[in-house]
Amino acid sequence: MAEAHPDPDRVFAALADARRRELLELLARGPGASAGGLAAMLPVSRQAVAQHLAVLEEARLVTRRRSGRQVLFTVRPEGLIATAGWLAARAAAWEIQKFLTDQGKDTVL
């Protein structure tokens, strides 16, 4: 069964928090990290990190896998790529709309 595309609303909500963006940066540096390992690098508890990771997982920006007794989290770049594609398409449409408006043409894209 194919996975659904990330929901842009969830992606934007997840990225709105600076701590979650910091977690994504830390996860992007390696093959995977546990909530406890990430908490050791930050001034927050393991429970707080786990809650942030749950939000990132719901937004499909990270994935989890079990490795022995640990649960390791890894970045899922496709979530950001899909959202970045949506943003790029919107920016291009708005730029075209601005150009047409500047030319005196009434067209809505």
Protein backbone atom coordinates (compact mmCIF):
# COMPACT_ATOMS: atom_id res chain seq x y z
CA MET A 1 0.00 0.00 0.00
CA ALA A 2 1.43 3.40 -1.00
CA GLU A 3 1.85 5.99 1.73
CA ALA A 4 -0.12 9.21 1.48
CA HIS A 5 1.70 12.45 0.76
CA PRO A 6 2.59 14.61 3.74
CA ASP A 7 -0.12 17.08 4.74
CA PRO A 8 1.33 20.60 4.24
CA ASP A 9 -0.64 21.89 7.25
CA ARG A 10 1.04 19.33 9.51
CA VAL A 11 4.44 19.98 7.97
CA PHE A 12 4.14 23.75 8.51
CA ALA A 13 2.83 23.25 12.06
CA ALA A 14 5.71 20.90 12.86
CA LEU A 15 8.29 23.27 11.39
CA ALA A 16 6.84 26.26 13.23
CA ASP A 17 8.60 25.14 16.41
CA ALA A 18 12.32 25.99 16.68
CA ARG A 19 13.08 22.92 18.83
CA ARG A 20 11.59 20.59 16.19
CA ARG A 21 13.65 22.28 13.48
CA GLU A 22 16.71 21.77 15.68
CA LEU A 23 15.83 18.09 16.08
CA LEU A 24 15.55 17.71 12.30
CA GLU A 25 18.99 19.29 11.90
CA LEU A 26 20.47 16.89 14.44
CA LEU A 27 18.79 13.88 12.81
CA ALA A 28 20.04 14.94 9.37
CA ARG A 29 23.64 14.55 10.57
CA GLY A 30 23.53 10.78 11.01
CA PRO A 31 21.85 7.48 10.28
CA GLY A 32 19.46 7.67 13.24
CA ALA A 33 19.23 8.69 16.87
CA SER A 34 17.15 7.81 19.90
CA ALA A 35 15.05 10.28 21.88
CA GLY A 36 17.46 9.86 24.79
CA GLY A 37 20.49 10.48 22.58
CA LEU A 38 18.91 13.60 21.16
CA ALA A 39 17.90 14.84 24.62
CA ALA A 40 21.53 14.50 25.75
CA MET A 41 22.45 17.10 23.09
CA LEU A 42 19.72 19.54 24.09
CA PRO A 43 18.61 21.37 27.24
CA VAL A 44 15.31 19.44 27.36
CA SER A 45 14.08 16.16 28.79
CA ARG A 46 13.83 12.89 26.89
CA GLN A 47 10.04 13.12 27.29
CA ALA A 48 9.98 16.57 25.65
CA VAL A 49 12.10 15.27 22.77
CA ALA A 50 9.79 12.26 22.41
CA GLN A 51 6.77 14.57 22.17
CA HIS A 52 8.49 16.69 19.51
CA LEU A 53 9.47 13.55 17.59
CA ALA A 54 5.83 12.37 17.68
CA VAL A 55 4.75 15.64 16.04
CA LEU A 56 7.48 15.30 13.41
CA GLU A 57 6.43 11.69 12.79
CA GLU A 58 2.76 12.71 12.36
CA ALA A 59 3.91 15.29 9.81
CA ARG A 60 5.87 12.49 8.08
CA LEU A 61 9.15 14.33 8.52
CA VAL A 62 10.78 11.51 10.52
CA THR A 63 10.42 7.77 10.70
CA ARG A 64 11.16 5.36 13.53
CA ARG A 65 12.70 1.91 13.52
CA ARG A 66 13.58 -0.49 16.28
CA SER A 67 17.23 -1.44 16.72
CA GLY A 68 17.50 -3.89 19.58
CA ARG A 69 16.05 -2.19 22.64
CA GLN A 70 16.27 1.29 21.14
CA VAL A 71 13.90 3.18 18.86
CA LEU A 72 15.88 5.20 16.33
CA PHE A 73 14.51 8.17 14.43
CA THR A 74 15.58 9.17 10.93
CA VAL A 75 14.74 12.17 8.74
CA ARG A 76 12.29 11.59 5.88
CA PRO A 77 13.30 14.18 3.27
CA GLU A 78 10.30 13.46 1.03
CA GLY A 79 8.07 15.35 3.48
CA LEU A 80 10.10 18.51 3.04
CA ILE A 81 10.56 17.93 -0.68
CA ALA A 82 6.80 17.68 -1.27
CA THR A 83 6.13 20.81 0.74
CA ALA A 84 9.00 22.68 -0.93
CA GLY A 85 7.55 21.71 -4.32
CA TRP A 86 4.17 23.12 -3.31
CA LEU A 87 5.83 26.35 -2.13
CA ALA A 88 7.84 26.66 -5.35
CA ALA A 89 4.71 26.17 -7.47
CA ARG A 90 2.86 28.84 -5.46
CA ALA A 91 5.78 31.26 -5.72
CA ALA A 92 5.97 30.75 -9.49
CA ALA A 93 2.22 31.26 -9.91
CA TRP A 94 2.31 34.42 -7.79
CA GLU A 95 5.27 35.75 -9.78
CA ILE A 96 3.40 35.15 -13.05
CA GLN A 97 0.30 36.79 -11.58
CA LYS A 98 2.37 39.82 -10.53
CA PHE A 99 3.88 40.06 -14.02
CA LEU A 100 0.45 39.89 -15.66
CA THR A 101 -0.93 42.48 -13.26
CA ASP A 102 2.02 44.75 -13.97
CA GLN A 103 1.23 44.36 -17.70
CA GLY A 104 -2.36 45.43 -17.07
CA LYS A 105 -3.90 42.02 -17.67
CA ASP A 106 -6.59 40.66 -15.36
CA THR A 107 -5.86 36.96 -15.06
CA VAL A 108 -6.22 34.85 -11.96
CA LEU A 109 -4.03 31.76 -11.69
